[in-house]
Amino acid sequence: ETIPVGPTQAQRGLFAVLFCRSLVGRALQVTDPADYGPLVTAGDFHSVVGDREKAVGTFREFVFFHEESIYPEFAVFYRREM
């Protein structure tokens, strides 16, 4: 028996977005780029929030160091129309 490789005809042009729940816990909020991993892995914090919104007016980045903090809730599949 052969197993098809690659997308099937029905899957071509199909895109997906994965929505996740996350547990931020005690977050270290920062505005400057640096290696904040040691503070998190030492147990002082659970995650890092890079507040780029405050720093340069764009967005906030959430960085998680423990995979148990993120739970895939559901996936949305869609097609783009041009």
C-alpha atoms as a PDB file:
ATOM      1  CA  GLU A   1       0.000   0.000   0.000  1.00  0.00           C
ATOM      2  CA  THR A   2       1.333   3.438  -0.874  1.00  0.00           C
ATOM      3  CA  ILE A   3       0.867   6.545   1.200  1.00  0.00           C
ATOM      4  CA  PRO A   4       0.255   9.764  -0.747  1.00  0.00           C
ATOM      5  CA  VAL A   5       2.874  12.439  -0.245  1.00  0.00           C
ATOM      6  CA  GLY A   6       1.910  16.099  -0.294  1.00  0.00           C
ATOM      7  CA  PRO A   7      -1.512  17.730  -0.287  1.00  0.00           C
ATOM      8  CA  THR A   8      -4.518  16.097  -1.899  1.00  0.00           C
ATOM      9  CA  GLN A   9      -6.537  17.923  -4.535  1.00  0.00           C
ATOM     10  CA  ALA A  10      -9.047  19.035  -1.865  1.00  0.00           C
ATOM     11  CA  GLN A  11      -6.229  20.389   0.339  1.00  0.00           C
ATOM     12  CA  ARG A  12      -4.505  22.487  -2.326  1.00  0.00           C
ATOM     13  CA  GLY A  13      -4.795  26.184  -1.559  1.00  0.00           C
ATOM     14  CA  LEU A  14      -5.960  25.461   1.982  1.00  0.00           C
ATOM     15  CA  PHE A  15      -4.452  27.530   4.795  1.00  0.00           C
ATOM     16  CA  ALA A  16      -4.677  27.060   8.547  1.00  0.00           C
ATOM     17  CA  VAL A  17      -4.532  29.195  11.670  1.00  0.00           C
ATOM     18  CA  LEU A  18      -3.953  27.551  15.041  1.00  0.00           C
ATOM     19  CA  PHE A  19      -5.593  29.270  18.015  1.00  0.00           C
ATOM     20  CA  CYS A  20      -3.983  28.514  21.363  1.00  0.00           C
ATOM     21  CA  ARG A  21      -4.761  29.211  24.982  1.00  0.00           C
ATOM     22  CA  SER A  22      -1.757  30.228  26.996  1.00  0.00           C
ATOM     23  CA  LEU A  23      -0.957  30.664  30.631  1.00  0.00           C
ATOM     24  CA  VAL A  24       1.312  33.680  31.002  1.00  0.00           C
ATOM     25  CA  GLY A  25       1.810  33.346  34.762  1.00  0.00           C
ATOM     26  CA  ARG A  26       4.241  35.812  36.303  1.00  0.00           C
ATOM     27  CA  ALA A  27       5.503  37.659  33.240  1.00  0.00           C
ATOM     28  CA  LEU A  28       8.700  39.625  32.927  1.00  0.00           C
ATOM     29  CA  GLN A  29       7.773  42.734  30.922  1.00  0.00           C
ATOM     30  CA  VAL A  30      10.629  44.195  28.914  1.00  0.00           C
ATOM     31  CA  THR A  31      11.092  46.877  26.257  1.00  0.00           C
ATOM     32  CA  ASP A  32      14.739  46.254  25.340  1.00  0.00           C
ATOM     33  CA  PRO A  33      16.013  43.173  23.475  1.00  0.00           C
ATOM     34  CA  ALA A  34      18.257  40.894  25.548  1.00  0.00           C
ATOM     35  CA  ASP A  35      18.584  37.290  26.721  1.00  0.00           C
ATOM     36  CA  TYR A  36      15.984  37.014  29.480  1.00  0.00           C
ATOM     37  CA  GLY A  37      15.934  33.213  29.410  1.00  0.00           C
ATOM     38  CA  PRO A  38      18.036  32.725  32.556  1.00  0.00           C
ATOM     39  CA  LEU A  39      15.554  34.760  34.631  1.00  0.00           C
ATOM     40  CA  VAL A  40      12.698  32.540  33.447  1.00  0.00           C
ATOM     41  CA  THR A  41      14.478  29.214  33.718  1.00  0.00           C
ATOM     42  CA  ALA A  42      15.721  30.135  37.217  1.00  0.00           C
ATOM     43  CA  GLY A  43      12.079  30.218  38.306  1.00  0.00           C
ATOM     44  CA  ASP A  44      11.687  33.946  38.889  1.00  0.00           C
ATOM     45  CA  PHE A  45       9.223  34.316  35.982  1.00  0.00           C
ATOM     46  CA  HIS A  46       7.042  32.071  33.812  1.00  0.00           C
ATOM     47  CA  SER A  47       7.198  34.011  30.541  1.00  0.00           C
ATOM     48  CA  VAL A  48       8.549  37.158  28.885  1.00  0.00           C
ATOM     49  CA  VAL A  49       6.408  39.895  27.363  1.00  0.00           C
ATOM     50  CA  GLY A  50       8.379  42.007  24.920  1.00  0.00           C
ATOM     51  CA  ASP A  51       6.372  45.219  24.974  1.00  0.00           C
ATOM     52  CA  ARG A  52       7.204  46.501  21.510  1.00  0.00           C
ATOM     53  CA  GLU A  53       3.954  48.463  21.633  1.00  0.00           C
ATOM     54  CA  LYS A  54       5.376  50.620  24.415  1.00  0.00           C
ATOM     55  CA  ALA A  55       8.901  50.691  22.951  1.00  0.00           C
ATOM     56  CA  VAL A  56       8.214  51.459  19.269  1.00  0.00           C
ATOM     57  CA  GLY A  57       4.421  51.454  18.872  1.00  0.00           C
ATOM     58  CA  THR A  58       3.983  48.103  17.102  1.00  0.00           C
ATOM     59  CA  PHE A  59       2.871  45.016  19.052  1.00  0.00           C
ATOM     60  CA  ARG A  60       3.609  42.861  22.083  1.00  0.00           C
ATOM     61  CA  GLU A  61       5.523  39.581  21.852  1.00  0.00           C
ATOM     62  CA  PHE A  62       4.837  36.734  24.266  1.00  0.00           C
ATOM     63  CA  VAL A  63       7.672  34.242  24.786  1.00  0.00           C
ATOM     64  CA  PHE A  64       7.001  30.998  26.642  1.00  0.00           C
ATOM     65  CA  PHE A  65       9.729  28.727  27.951  1.00  0.00           C
ATOM     66  CA  HIS A  66       7.529  25.838  29.088  1.00  0.00           C
ATOM     67  CA  GLU A  67       5.457  23.974  26.519  1.00  0.00           C
ATOM     68  CA  GLU A  68       2.918  23.117  29.219  1.00  0.00           C
ATOM     69  CA  SER A  69       1.931  26.802  29.185  1.00  0.00           C
ATOM     70  CA  ILE A  70       0.452  26.582  25.679  1.00  0.00           C
ATOM     71  CA  TYR A  71      -2.598  24.542  24.704  1.00  0.00           C
ATOM     72  CA  PRO A  72      -3.794  24.319  21.081  1.00  0.00           C
ATOM     73  CA  GLU A  73      -7.516  25.075  21.352  1.00  0.00           C
ATOM     74  CA  PHE A  74      -8.659  24.724  17.739  1.00  0.00           C
ATOM     75  CA  ALA A  75      -7.580  25.130  14.125  1.00  0.00           C
ATOM     76  CA  VAL A  76      -9.354  27.150  11.443  1.00  0.00           C
ATOM     77  CA  PHE A  77      -8.873  26.100   7.838  1.00  0.00           C
ATOM     78  CA  TYR A  78      -9.632  28.576   5.056  1.00  0.00           C
ATOM     79  CA  ARG A  79      -9.052  29.387   1.398  1.00  0.00           C
ATOM     80  CA  ARG A  80      -7.928  32.744   0.093  1.00  0.00           C
ATOM     81  CA  GLU A  81      -9.929  34.367  -2.647  1.00  0.00           C
ATOM     82  CA  MET A  82      -8.194  36.767  -4.983  1.00  0.00           C
END
